N, C-alpha and C. Protein backbone atom coordinates (compact mmCIF):
# COMPACT_ATOMS: atom_id res chain seq x y z
N MET A 1 105.96 103.35 80.32
CA MET A 1 104.93 104.38 80.30
C MET A 1 104.89 105.04 78.92
N ASP A 2 103.72 105.50 78.55
CA ASP A 2 103.49 106.11 77.25
C ASP A 2 104.12 107.50 77.18
N ALA A 3 104.94 107.73 76.16
CA ALA A 3 105.59 109.03 75.98
C ALA A 3 104.58 110.12 75.65
N HIS A 4 103.38 109.75 75.23
CA HIS A 4 102.35 110.73 74.89
C HIS A 4 101.36 110.96 76.03
N ASP A 5 101.60 110.35 77.15
CA ASP A 5 100.74 110.52 78.32
C ASP A 5 100.79 111.99 78.75
N PRO A 6 99.64 112.65 78.90
CA PRO A 6 99.64 114.08 79.27
C PRO A 6 100.31 114.35 80.61
N ARG A 7 100.34 113.36 81.49
CA ARG A 7 101.01 113.56 82.77
C ARG A 7 102.51 113.77 82.56
N ARG A 8 103.08 113.04 81.63
CA ARG A 8 104.50 113.17 81.34
C ARG A 8 104.82 114.59 80.89
N ALA A 9 104.01 115.13 79.98
CA ALA A 9 104.22 116.49 79.49
C ALA A 9 104.10 117.51 80.62
N ARG A 10 103.12 117.31 81.51
CA ARG A 10 102.96 118.23 82.65
C ARG A 10 104.16 118.14 83.59
N ILE A 11 104.66 116.93 83.80
CA ILE A 11 105.83 116.75 84.67
C ILE A 11 107.04 117.47 84.07
N LEU A 12 107.26 117.30 82.77
CA LEU A 12 108.40 117.95 82.14
C LEU A 12 108.29 119.48 82.21
N ALA A 13 107.10 120.01 81.97
CA ALA A 13 106.90 121.46 82.05
C ALA A 13 107.12 121.96 83.47
N ALA A 14 106.58 121.25 84.44
CA ALA A 14 106.76 121.65 85.84
C ALA A 14 108.22 121.56 86.26
N ALA A 15 108.90 120.52 85.82
CA ALA A 15 110.32 120.36 86.15
C ALA A 15 111.15 121.48 85.53
N ARG A 16 110.90 121.78 84.26
CA ARG A 16 111.63 122.86 83.60
C ARG A 16 111.46 124.16 84.35
N ASP A 17 110.21 124.46 84.74
CA ASP A 17 109.93 125.71 85.47
C ASP A 17 110.60 125.71 86.84
N ARG A 18 110.45 124.63 87.57
CA ARG A 18 110.99 124.54 88.93
C ARG A 18 112.52 124.57 88.90
N PHE A 19 113.14 123.82 87.99
CA PHE A 19 114.60 123.82 87.88
C PHE A 19 115.12 125.21 87.52
N ALA A 20 114.42 125.90 86.63
CA ALA A 20 114.85 127.24 86.21
C ALA A 20 114.74 128.24 87.36
N ARG A 21 113.68 128.13 88.15
CA ARG A 21 113.48 129.08 89.25
C ARG A 21 114.37 128.80 90.45
N GLN A 22 114.53 127.52 90.79
CA GLN A 22 115.21 127.17 92.03
C GLN A 22 116.60 126.57 91.81
N GLY A 23 116.90 126.16 90.62
CA GLY A 23 118.12 125.41 90.37
C GLY A 23 117.84 123.93 90.60
N PHE A 24 118.62 123.11 89.95
CA PHE A 24 118.39 121.67 90.00
C PHE A 24 118.49 121.12 91.43
N ARG A 25 119.53 121.47 92.14
CA ARG A 25 119.76 120.90 93.47
C ARG A 25 118.67 121.29 94.47
N ARG A 26 118.19 122.51 94.40
CA ARG A 26 117.19 122.97 95.38
C ARG A 26 115.77 122.52 95.04
N ALA A 27 115.53 122.24 93.79
CA ALA A 27 114.18 121.82 93.38
C ALA A 27 113.90 120.42 93.91
N GLU A 28 112.75 120.26 94.52
CA GLU A 28 112.36 118.96 95.09
C GLU A 28 111.37 118.25 94.16
N VAL A 29 111.54 116.96 94.06
CA VAL A 29 110.64 116.16 93.22
C VAL A 29 109.20 116.30 93.72
N LYS A 30 109.03 116.36 95.02
CA LYS A 30 107.68 116.52 95.58
C LYS A 30 107.02 117.80 95.07
N ALA A 31 107.79 118.90 95.01
CA ALA A 31 107.24 120.17 94.53
C ALA A 31 106.93 120.10 93.04
N ILE A 32 107.78 119.42 92.27
CA ILE A 32 107.53 119.24 90.84
C ILE A 32 106.23 118.45 90.65
N ALA A 33 106.06 117.41 91.45
CA ALA A 33 104.84 116.60 91.37
C ALA A 33 103.61 117.45 91.67
N GLU A 34 103.69 118.28 92.71
CA GLU A 34 102.55 119.15 93.04
C GLU A 34 102.26 120.11 91.89
N ASP A 35 103.31 120.71 91.33
CA ASP A 35 103.13 121.64 90.21
C ASP A 35 102.47 120.94 89.01
N ALA A 36 102.82 119.68 88.80
CA ALA A 36 102.30 118.92 87.66
C ALA A 36 100.94 118.30 87.93
N GLY A 37 100.51 118.34 89.20
CA GLY A 37 99.22 117.74 89.55
C GLY A 37 99.25 116.23 89.56
N VAL A 38 100.41 115.66 89.94
CA VAL A 38 100.55 114.20 90.02
C VAL A 38 101.21 113.86 91.35
N GLY A 39 101.20 112.59 91.68
CA GLY A 39 101.90 112.13 92.86
C GLY A 39 103.39 111.98 92.57
N LYS A 40 104.19 112.04 93.61
CA LYS A 40 105.63 111.89 93.46
C LYS A 40 105.99 110.55 92.80
N ALA A 41 105.27 109.50 93.16
CA ALA A 41 105.54 108.17 92.58
C ALA A 41 105.31 108.16 91.07
N THR A 42 104.37 108.99 90.61
CA THR A 42 104.10 109.06 89.17
C THR A 42 105.32 109.56 88.42
N ILE A 43 106.03 110.51 89.00
CA ILE A 43 107.24 111.01 88.35
C ILE A 43 108.22 109.87 88.15
N TYR A 44 108.39 109.04 89.17
CA TYR A 44 109.35 107.94 89.08
C TYR A 44 108.86 106.80 88.17
N GLN A 45 107.58 106.80 87.83
CA GLN A 45 107.10 105.85 86.83
C GLN A 45 107.61 106.24 85.44
N PHE A 46 107.77 107.54 85.23
CA PHE A 46 108.23 108.04 83.93
C PHE A 46 109.74 108.24 83.87
N PHE A 47 110.33 108.62 84.99
CA PHE A 47 111.75 108.99 85.02
C PHE A 47 112.42 108.30 86.20
N PRO A 48 113.50 107.56 85.98
CA PRO A 48 114.11 106.79 87.07
C PRO A 48 114.77 107.64 88.15
N SER A 49 115.07 108.92 87.84
CA SER A 49 115.73 109.77 88.82
C SER A 49 115.49 111.24 88.48
N LYS A 50 115.81 112.08 89.42
CA LYS A 50 115.71 113.52 89.18
C LYS A 50 116.69 113.94 88.09
N ASP A 51 117.88 113.33 88.07
CA ASP A 51 118.86 113.61 87.01
C ASP A 51 118.27 113.26 85.64
N ALA A 52 117.62 112.10 85.55
CA ALA A 52 117.02 111.67 84.28
C ALA A 52 115.91 112.64 83.86
N LEU A 53 115.19 113.17 84.82
CA LEU A 53 114.15 114.15 84.53
C LEU A 53 114.76 115.40 83.91
N LEU A 54 115.83 115.91 84.51
CA LEU A 54 116.50 117.09 83.97
C LEU A 54 117.02 116.82 82.56
N LEU A 55 117.68 115.71 82.38
CA LEU A 55 118.25 115.40 81.07
C LEU A 55 117.16 115.19 80.01
N THR A 56 116.01 114.69 80.42
CA THR A 56 114.90 114.54 79.47
C THR A 56 114.36 115.91 79.08
N VAL A 57 114.25 116.83 80.03
CA VAL A 57 113.82 118.20 79.71
C VAL A 57 114.77 118.79 78.68
N VAL A 58 116.06 118.65 78.91
CA VAL A 58 117.05 119.20 77.98
C VAL A 58 116.95 118.52 76.62
N GLU A 59 116.92 117.20 76.63
CA GLU A 59 116.90 116.45 75.38
C GLU A 59 115.66 116.76 74.54
N GLU A 60 114.51 116.84 75.17
CA GLU A 60 113.29 117.11 74.41
C GLU A 60 113.28 118.52 73.82
N ASN A 61 113.82 119.47 74.57
CA ASN A 61 113.90 120.83 74.04
C ASN A 61 114.92 120.93 72.92
N LEU A 62 116.04 120.22 73.05
CA LEU A 62 117.02 120.19 71.97
C LEU A 62 116.42 119.54 70.72
N THR A 63 115.57 118.55 70.90
CA THR A 63 114.91 117.90 69.77
C THR A 63 113.94 118.87 69.09
N VAL A 64 113.24 119.67 69.86
CA VAL A 64 112.35 120.68 69.28
C VAL A 64 113.17 121.67 68.45
N ILE A 65 114.31 122.09 69.00
CA ILE A 65 115.18 123.02 68.27
C ILE A 65 115.66 122.36 66.98
N ARG A 66 116.07 121.11 67.06
CA ARG A 66 116.50 120.40 65.85
C ARG A 66 115.41 120.38 64.81
N ASP A 67 114.19 120.12 65.24
CA ASP A 67 113.06 120.07 64.31
C ASP A 67 112.80 121.43 63.66
N LEU A 68 112.94 122.50 64.44
CA LEU A 68 112.80 123.86 63.89
C LEU A 68 113.86 124.10 62.82
N VAL A 69 115.09 123.72 63.14
CA VAL A 69 116.20 123.91 62.20
C VAL A 69 115.96 123.13 60.92
N LEU A 70 115.60 121.87 61.04
CA LEU A 70 115.38 121.04 59.86
C LEU A 70 114.24 121.58 59.00
N ARG A 71 113.18 122.02 59.64
CA ARG A 71 112.04 122.57 58.88
C ARG A 71 112.50 123.75 58.02
N GLU A 72 113.30 124.62 58.59
CA GLU A 72 113.76 125.80 57.84
C GLU A 72 114.80 125.43 56.79
N LEU A 73 115.72 124.53 57.13
CA LEU A 73 116.77 124.15 56.18
C LEU A 73 116.20 123.44 54.96
N LEU A 74 115.12 122.72 55.15
CA LEU A 74 114.53 121.94 54.06
C LEU A 74 113.45 122.69 53.29
N SER A 75 113.22 123.94 53.66
CA SER A 75 112.22 124.74 52.92
C SER A 75 112.79 125.09 51.55
N GLY A 76 111.97 125.62 50.70
CA GLY A 76 112.41 125.93 49.34
C GLY A 76 113.02 127.31 49.16
N ALA A 77 113.23 128.04 50.24
CA ALA A 77 113.77 129.40 50.14
C ALA A 77 115.24 129.37 49.72
N PRO A 78 115.76 130.48 49.24
CA PRO A 78 117.19 130.56 48.94
C PRO A 78 118.02 130.27 50.19
N PRO A 79 119.23 129.73 50.02
CA PRO A 79 120.03 129.28 51.17
C PRO A 79 120.27 130.34 52.26
N LEU A 80 120.65 131.57 51.89
CA LEU A 80 120.90 132.58 52.92
C LEU A 80 119.62 132.94 53.67
N GLU A 81 118.50 132.93 52.97
CA GLU A 81 117.21 133.19 53.62
C GLU A 81 116.88 132.06 54.60
N ARG A 82 117.16 130.82 54.19
CA ARG A 82 116.92 129.69 55.09
C ARG A 82 117.79 129.80 56.34
N LEU A 83 119.04 130.22 56.16
CA LEU A 83 119.94 130.36 57.31
C LEU A 83 119.42 131.43 58.27
N GLU A 84 118.94 132.52 57.73
CA GLU A 84 118.36 133.57 58.59
C GLU A 84 117.11 133.05 59.29
N ARG A 85 116.29 132.30 58.59
CA ARG A 85 115.09 131.74 59.20
C ARG A 85 115.44 130.78 60.33
N VAL A 86 116.51 130.02 60.15
CA VAL A 86 116.98 129.13 61.22
C VAL A 86 117.33 129.95 62.45
N CYS A 87 118.13 130.99 62.26
CA CYS A 87 118.52 131.83 63.40
C CYS A 87 117.31 132.42 64.09
N ARG A 88 116.37 132.92 63.30
CA ARG A 88 115.16 133.51 63.87
C ARG A 88 114.34 132.47 64.65
N ALA A 89 114.15 131.32 64.05
CA ALA A 89 113.31 130.29 64.68
C ALA A 89 113.92 129.82 66.00
N VAL A 90 115.22 129.59 66.01
CA VAL A 90 115.87 129.12 67.24
C VAL A 90 115.86 130.22 68.29
N ALA A 91 116.17 131.45 67.90
CA ALA A 91 116.17 132.56 68.86
C ALA A 91 114.77 132.78 69.44
N ARG A 92 113.74 132.69 68.60
CA ARG A 92 112.36 132.84 69.10
C ARG A 92 112.02 131.73 70.09
N PHE A 93 112.43 130.51 69.77
CA PHE A 93 112.17 129.40 70.68
C PHE A 93 112.86 129.64 72.02
N LEU A 94 114.13 130.01 71.99
CA LEU A 94 114.87 130.21 73.24
C LEU A 94 114.32 131.38 74.05
N GLU A 95 113.80 132.38 73.36
CA GLU A 95 113.18 133.50 74.06
C GLU A 95 111.82 133.09 74.64
N ARG A 96 111.03 132.41 73.82
CA ARG A 96 109.70 131.95 74.27
C ARG A 96 109.83 130.96 75.42
N GLU A 97 110.82 130.10 75.33
CA GLU A 97 111.05 129.09 76.37
C GLU A 97 112.16 129.57 77.30
N ALA A 98 111.94 130.74 77.90
CA ALA A 98 112.96 131.36 78.75
C ALA A 98 113.34 130.45 79.91
N ASP A 99 112.39 129.67 80.44
CA ASP A 99 112.73 128.75 81.52
C ASP A 99 113.74 127.71 81.07
N PHE A 100 113.57 127.21 79.85
CA PHE A 100 114.54 126.25 79.33
C PHE A 100 115.90 126.92 79.12
N SER A 101 115.90 128.13 78.59
CA SER A 101 117.16 128.85 78.38
C SER A 101 117.89 129.05 79.71
N ARG A 102 117.17 129.49 80.73
CA ARG A 102 117.79 129.67 82.06
C ARG A 102 118.29 128.34 82.60
N LEU A 103 117.47 127.32 82.46
CA LEU A 103 117.84 126.00 82.94
C LEU A 103 119.12 125.51 82.27
N LEU A 104 119.19 125.64 80.98
CA LEU A 104 120.36 125.18 80.23
C LEU A 104 121.61 125.91 80.70
N ILE A 105 121.51 127.19 80.91
CA ILE A 105 122.67 127.98 81.34
C ILE A 105 123.04 127.68 82.78
N GLN A 106 122.04 127.57 83.65
CA GLN A 106 122.31 127.32 85.07
C GLN A 106 122.90 125.95 85.32
N GLU A 107 122.40 124.95 84.64
CA GLU A 107 122.77 123.57 84.95
C GLU A 107 123.82 122.99 84.01
N ALA A 108 124.24 123.76 83.03
CA ALA A 108 125.19 123.23 82.05
C ALA A 108 126.49 122.78 82.71
N GLY A 109 126.93 123.48 83.73
CA GLY A 109 128.19 123.12 84.38
C GLY A 109 128.17 121.74 85.00
N GLU A 110 127.19 121.50 85.84
CA GLU A 110 127.12 120.23 86.56
C GLU A 110 126.80 119.05 85.65
N PHE A 111 126.00 119.30 84.64
CA PHE A 111 125.57 118.23 83.75
C PHE A 111 126.19 118.35 82.37
N LEU A 112 127.29 119.07 82.29
CA LEU A 112 127.90 119.36 81.00
C LEU A 112 128.15 118.11 80.17
N GLY A 113 128.72 117.09 80.76
CA GLY A 113 129.04 115.88 80.01
C GLY A 113 127.82 115.26 79.37
N ALA A 114 126.78 115.08 80.16
CA ALA A 114 125.56 114.43 79.64
C ALA A 114 124.85 115.32 78.62
N ILE A 115 124.76 116.61 78.90
CA ILE A 115 124.10 117.54 77.97
C ILE A 115 124.91 117.62 76.69
N GLN A 116 126.21 117.75 76.84
CA GLN A 116 127.08 117.84 75.67
C GLN A 116 126.98 116.58 74.80
N GLN A 117 126.93 115.43 75.43
CA GLN A 117 126.81 114.17 74.69
C GLN A 117 125.52 114.15 73.87
N ARG A 118 124.41 114.55 74.48
CA ARG A 118 123.13 114.56 73.76
C ARG A 118 123.15 115.58 72.62
N TYR A 119 123.69 116.74 72.90
CA TYR A 119 123.77 117.80 71.90
C TYR A 119 124.64 117.37 70.72
N LEU A 120 125.82 116.86 70.99
CA LEU A 120 126.73 116.44 69.91
C LEU A 120 126.15 115.28 69.12
N GLN A 121 125.39 114.40 69.77
CA GLN A 121 124.74 113.30 69.05
C GLN A 121 123.70 113.84 68.08
N LEU A 122 122.94 114.85 68.51
CA LEU A 122 121.96 115.48 67.60
C LEU A 122 122.67 116.12 66.41
N VAL A 123 123.78 116.80 66.68
CA VAL A 123 124.54 117.42 65.59
C VAL A 123 125.00 116.36 64.62
N ASP A 124 125.63 115.31 65.14
CA ASP A 124 126.17 114.26 64.27
C ASP A 124 125.08 113.52 63.51
N ASP A 125 123.95 113.26 64.15
CA ASP A 125 122.85 112.57 63.49
C ASP A 125 122.29 113.36 62.31
N ASN A 126 122.39 114.68 62.39
CA ASN A 126 121.81 115.54 61.37
C ASN A 126 122.85 116.18 60.46
N LEU A 127 124.09 115.73 60.57
CA LEU A 127 125.18 116.29 59.77
C LEU A 127 124.96 116.12 58.26
N PRO A 128 124.38 115.02 57.78
CA PRO A 128 124.16 114.92 56.33
C PRO A 128 123.26 116.03 55.78
N VAL A 129 122.23 116.41 56.52
CA VAL A 129 121.36 117.51 56.07
C VAL A 129 122.14 118.82 56.07
N ALA A 130 122.89 119.03 57.15
CA ALA A 130 123.70 120.25 57.24
C ALA A 130 124.74 120.29 56.13
N GLU A 131 125.34 119.16 55.85
CA GLU A 131 126.36 119.10 54.79
C GLU A 131 125.76 119.50 53.45
N ALA A 132 124.60 118.97 53.12
CA ALA A 132 123.94 119.32 51.85
C ALA A 132 123.61 120.81 51.81
N PHE A 133 123.13 121.34 52.93
CA PHE A 133 122.79 122.76 52.98
C PHE A 133 124.02 123.64 52.79
N PHE A 134 125.08 123.36 53.54
CA PHE A 134 126.27 124.20 53.45
C PHE A 134 127.01 124.01 52.13
N GLU A 135 126.81 122.88 51.48
CA GLU A 135 127.38 122.72 50.13
C GLU A 135 126.72 123.70 49.16
N GLU A 136 125.41 123.93 49.35
CA GLU A 136 124.74 124.95 48.53
C GLU A 136 125.38 126.31 48.75
N LEU A 137 125.62 126.65 50.00
CA LEU A 137 126.23 127.95 50.32
C LEU A 137 127.67 128.03 49.83
N ARG A 138 128.40 126.92 49.93
CA ARG A 138 129.78 126.92 49.44
C ARG A 138 129.80 127.16 47.92
N GLY A 139 128.80 126.64 47.24
CA GLY A 139 128.69 126.88 45.81
C GLY A 139 128.50 128.35 45.48
N GLN A 140 128.02 129.12 46.45
CA GLN A 140 127.84 130.57 46.28
C GLN A 140 129.00 131.36 46.89
N GLY A 141 130.02 130.61 47.36
CA GLY A 141 131.21 131.28 47.90
C GLY A 141 131.19 131.52 49.41
N TYR A 142 130.19 131.02 50.11
CA TYR A 142 130.08 131.21 51.55
C TYR A 142 130.60 129.98 52.30
N PHE A 143 131.09 130.20 53.49
CA PHE A 143 131.47 129.12 54.42
C PHE A 143 132.46 128.13 53.80
N THR A 144 133.41 128.66 53.08
CA THR A 144 134.38 127.78 52.43
C THR A 144 135.57 127.44 53.33
N ALA A 145 135.74 128.15 54.42
CA ALA A 145 136.94 128.00 55.24
C ALA A 145 136.86 126.90 56.29
N LEU A 146 135.66 126.40 56.57
CA LEU A 146 135.50 125.42 57.66
C LEU A 146 134.73 124.21 57.20
N PRO A 147 135.00 123.06 57.83
CA PRO A 147 134.15 121.90 57.58
C PRO A 147 132.75 122.13 58.16
N THR A 148 131.77 121.43 57.65
CA THR A 148 130.38 121.63 58.04
C THR A 148 130.16 121.51 59.54
N ARG A 149 130.72 120.50 60.16
CA ARG A 149 130.50 120.31 61.60
C ARG A 149 130.98 121.53 62.38
N ASP A 150 132.12 122.09 62.00
CA ASP A 150 132.63 123.29 62.68
C ASP A 150 131.72 124.49 62.45
N ILE A 151 131.15 124.59 61.25
CA ILE A 151 130.22 125.68 60.96
C ILE A 151 128.98 125.56 61.84
N VAL A 152 128.44 124.34 61.94
CA VAL A 152 127.25 124.12 62.77
C VAL A 152 127.56 124.50 64.22
N LEU A 153 128.69 124.07 64.74
CA LEU A 153 129.05 124.39 66.12
C LEU A 153 129.23 125.90 66.30
N MET A 154 129.81 126.56 65.31
CA MET A 154 129.99 128.01 65.38
C MET A 154 128.64 128.71 65.41
N MET A 155 127.72 128.27 64.56
CA MET A 155 126.39 128.89 64.53
C MET A 155 125.65 128.67 65.86
N VAL A 156 125.77 127.48 66.41
CA VAL A 156 125.15 127.20 67.70
C VAL A 156 125.78 128.08 68.78
N ASN A 157 127.09 128.22 68.75
CA ASN A 157 127.77 129.08 69.73
C ASN A 157 127.27 130.50 69.64
N LEU A 158 127.02 130.98 68.43
CA LEU A 158 126.49 132.31 68.23
C LEU A 158 125.12 132.45 68.91
N LEU A 159 124.25 131.48 68.69
CA LEU A 159 122.91 131.53 69.27
C LEU A 159 122.93 131.33 70.78
N VAL A 160 123.76 130.42 71.25
CA VAL A 160 123.85 130.18 72.69
C VAL A 160 124.45 131.38 73.40
N GLY A 161 125.47 131.98 72.79
CA GLY A 161 126.08 133.17 73.39
C GLY A 161 125.09 134.31 73.49
N THR A 162 124.30 134.50 72.44
CA THR A 162 123.27 135.53 72.47
C THR A 162 122.26 135.25 73.58
N THR A 163 121.86 134.01 73.69
CA THR A 163 120.89 133.61 74.72
C THR A 163 121.49 133.78 76.11
N TYR A 164 122.74 133.39 76.27
CA TYR A 164 123.42 133.50 77.56
C TYR A 164 123.42 134.95 78.05
N THR A 165 123.80 135.86 77.18
CA THR A 165 123.82 137.28 77.54
C THR A 165 122.42 137.77 77.88
N TRP A 166 121.43 137.35 77.08
CA TRP A 166 120.05 137.77 77.32
C TRP A 166 119.55 137.25 78.67
N VAL A 167 119.84 135.99 78.98
CA VAL A 167 119.39 135.41 80.25
C VAL A 167 120.06 136.13 81.42
N LEU A 168 121.35 136.39 81.30
CA LEU A 168 122.08 137.03 82.41
C LEU A 168 121.66 138.48 82.63
N THR A 169 121.44 139.22 81.55
CA THR A 169 121.19 140.65 81.69
C THR A 169 119.73 141.03 81.55
N GLY A 170 118.94 140.18 80.87
CA GLY A 170 117.56 140.52 80.60
C GLY A 170 117.43 141.61 79.55
N GLU A 171 118.53 141.95 78.90
CA GLU A 171 118.53 143.02 77.91
C GLU A 171 118.62 142.46 76.50
N GLY A 172 118.11 143.23 75.57
CA GLY A 172 118.23 142.87 74.16
C GLY A 172 117.09 142.02 73.68
N GLU A 173 117.14 141.77 72.40
CA GLU A 173 116.14 140.95 71.72
C GLU A 173 116.89 139.82 71.04
N PRO A 174 116.80 138.61 71.57
CA PRO A 174 117.59 137.50 71.03
C PRO A 174 117.43 137.28 69.53
N GLU A 175 116.22 137.40 69.01
CA GLU A 175 116.02 137.16 67.58
C GLU A 175 116.77 138.20 66.75
N ARG A 176 116.61 139.46 67.10
CA ARG A 176 117.27 140.53 66.35
C ARG A 176 118.79 140.38 66.45
N GLN A 177 119.27 140.12 67.66
CA GLN A 177 120.71 139.99 67.85
C GLN A 177 121.27 138.79 67.09
N ALA A 178 120.58 137.67 67.14
CA ALA A 178 121.07 136.47 66.46
C ALA A 178 121.17 136.71 64.95
N VAL A 179 120.15 137.35 64.38
CA VAL A 179 120.17 137.63 62.94
C VAL A 179 121.27 138.63 62.60
N THR A 180 121.42 139.66 63.42
CA THR A 180 122.47 140.65 63.19
C THR A 180 123.84 139.98 63.22
N TYR A 181 124.08 139.16 64.22
CA TYR A 181 125.38 138.50 64.34
C TYR A 181 125.61 137.54 63.17
N MET A 182 124.57 136.84 62.76
CA MET A 182 124.69 135.93 61.62
C MET A 182 125.04 136.71 60.36
N ARG A 183 124.40 137.85 60.17
CA ARG A 183 124.69 138.67 58.98
C ARG A 183 126.13 139.18 59.00
N VAL A 184 126.59 139.59 60.17
CA VAL A 184 127.99 140.03 60.29
C VAL A 184 128.92 138.86 59.98
N LEU A 185 128.59 137.70 60.47
CA LEU A 185 129.40 136.51 60.20
C LEU A 185 129.49 136.24 58.71
N ILE A 186 128.39 136.39 58.00
CA ILE A 186 128.36 136.10 56.56
C ILE A 186 129.05 137.22 55.77
N ARG A 187 128.76 138.45 56.09
CA ARG A 187 129.27 139.57 55.31
C ARG A 187 130.65 140.01 55.73
N GLY A 188 131.02 139.71 56.95
CA GLY A 188 132.30 140.17 57.47
C GLY A 188 132.12 141.42 58.30
N LEU A 189 133.09 141.72 59.09
CA LEU A 189 133.00 142.86 60.01
C LEU A 189 132.99 144.20 59.27
N ARG A 190 133.49 144.25 58.05
CA ARG A 190 133.51 145.52 57.33
C ARG A 190 132.12 145.95 56.90
N ASP A 191 131.25 144.98 56.65
CA ASP A 191 129.92 145.29 56.12
C ASP A 191 128.82 145.03 57.14
N ALA A 192 129.04 145.44 58.39
CA ALA A 192 128.03 145.20 59.42
C ALA A 192 126.70 145.77 58.97
N PRO A 193 125.58 145.11 59.37
CA PRO A 193 124.24 145.48 58.89
C PRO A 193 123.82 146.89 59.21
């Protein structure tokens, strides 16, 4: 089936919404099909199982996040400004796509292995770009204590932790918090913003 078929996009959006509202186990493929305006069999033409549907929702959203990060990292702005733009762009995406954020947090336990594998593959595939970026910052005296992969994982943990708290409590502004935490990370706890 064509990855650009509009039915596929509707199915993924309906699945993300249904999984976020009801949880993966309680969400029925029939209800997802109704929400997407397709027959149940159409879902199985695109996705071999409900598990594959969930993992595709996660993978496609992680790919969007990767694309946001790359766009900002490769811009011509100064390195610290690019890093802040990355934090802002990812936080805005996670806030705008609240259903995906809830879904990721709710289903991470049961699907941790598969989600983690896809996430780590994206990190590793894009490590050369990250390495070049953090080498620029190291040249300015930043991020000298850790290898690039550890820095990337730390930054993701910062954004995911912010999102996790926001999803659980409904409080705060993820973009503002992510940027504040990133600034504290760069400047140190003595020079909080």
